[in-house]
Amino acid sequence: MKIIIVIAFVAIIASLMSALFFMMRDKGQSRNTVRALTVRVALSACLFIFLLVANYFGWIQSQGVPIDGP
């Protein structure tokens, strides 16, 4: 499970870096920067949905602050 999350984070960072590269190289003349940022947003949304589903099915456990009973 952890490897999937790490791979998703690496893909998100790689997409962000490619957007920076295209922005510097193309100077806004092509749509490559927009495409790279669209991919980054889509990957981030997919990762968020995956984390919600994994938490729902119990594949991962949340580690929040424990609530003490009365």
Protein backbone atom coordinates (compact mmCIF):
# COMPACT_ATOMS: atom_id res chain seq x y z
CA MET A 1 0.00 0.00 0.00
CA LYS A 2 2.79 2.40 0.88
CA ILE A 3 4.54 1.81 -2.43
CA ILE A 4 1.41 2.89 -4.35
CA ILE A 5 1.26 6.14 -2.39
CA VAL A 6 4.97 6.81 -2.89
CA ILE A 7 4.71 6.13 -6.62
CA ALA A 8 1.74 8.52 -6.85
CA PHE A 9 3.67 11.26 -5.02
CA VAL A 10 6.68 10.77 -7.32
CA ALA A 11 4.40 10.99 -10.37
CA ILE A 12 2.81 14.19 -9.03
CA ILE A 13 6.22 15.79 -8.42
CA ALA A 14 7.46 14.66 -11.86
CA SER A 15 4.43 16.25 -13.51
CA LEU A 16 5.02 19.46 -11.59
CA MET A 17 8.67 19.52 -12.66
CA SER A 18 7.74 18.89 -16.30
CA ALA A 19 5.29 21.81 -16.12
CA LEU A 20 8.09 24.02 -14.83
CA PHE A 21 10.37 22.82 -17.63
CA PHE A 22 7.76 23.51 -20.31
CA MET A 23 6.98 26.90 -18.81
CA MET A 24 10.64 27.93 -18.95
CA ARG A 25 11.32 26.43 -22.38
CA ASP A 26 8.16 27.37 -24.30
CA LYS A 27 7.57 30.80 -22.72
CA GLY A 28 3.80 30.23 -22.89
CA GLN A 29 3.70 29.50 -26.61
CA SER A 30 2.39 25.93 -26.34
CA ARG A 31 -0.15 24.06 -24.24
CA ASN A 32 2.40 21.67 -22.71
CA THR A 33 2.42 23.49 -19.36
CA VAL A 34 -1.36 23.33 -19.10
CA ARG A 35 -1.37 19.63 -19.95
CA ALA A 36 1.30 18.86 -17.35
CA LEU A 37 -0.58 20.78 -14.67
CA THR A 38 -3.82 19.04 -15.66
CA VAL A 39 -2.11 15.69 -15.22
CA ARG A 40 -0.84 16.80 -11.81
CA VAL A 41 -4.31 17.83 -10.65
CA ALA A 42 -5.81 14.57 -11.94
CA LEU A 43 -3.14 12.50 -10.18
CA SER A 44 -3.69 14.41 -6.95
CA ALA A 45 -7.46 13.88 -7.14
CA CYS A 46 -7.00 10.17 -7.85
CA LEU A 47 -4.60 9.82 -4.92
CA PHE A 48 -7.07 11.58 -2.61
CA ILE A 49 -9.94 9.34 -3.74
CA PHE A 50 -7.72 6.27 -3.38
CA LEU A 51 -6.85 7.27 0.20
CA LEU A 52 -10.53 7.76 1.05
CA VAL A 53 -11.45 4.35 -0.40
CA ALA A 54 -8.51 2.65 1.32
CA ASN A 55 -9.52 4.14 4.65
CA TYR A 56 -13.15 3.09 4.13
CA PHE A 57 -12.22 -0.53 3.39
CA GLY A 58 -9.70 -0.66 6.22
CA TRP A 59 -6.62 -1.07 4.04
CA ILE A 60 -5.05 1.84 5.90
CA GLN A 61 -5.66 3.15 9.41
CA SER A 62 -5.92 6.80 10.33
CA GLN A 63 -3.60 7.84 13.14
CA GLY A 64 -5.47 10.85 14.50
CA VAL A 65 -5.63 12.01 18.08
CA PRO A 66 -7.46 9.40 20.18
CA ILE A 67 -10.72 10.49 21.77
CA ASP A 68 -11.00 9.59 25.44
CA GLY A 69 -14.42 8.56 26.61
CA PRO A 70 -16.26 10.23 29.52
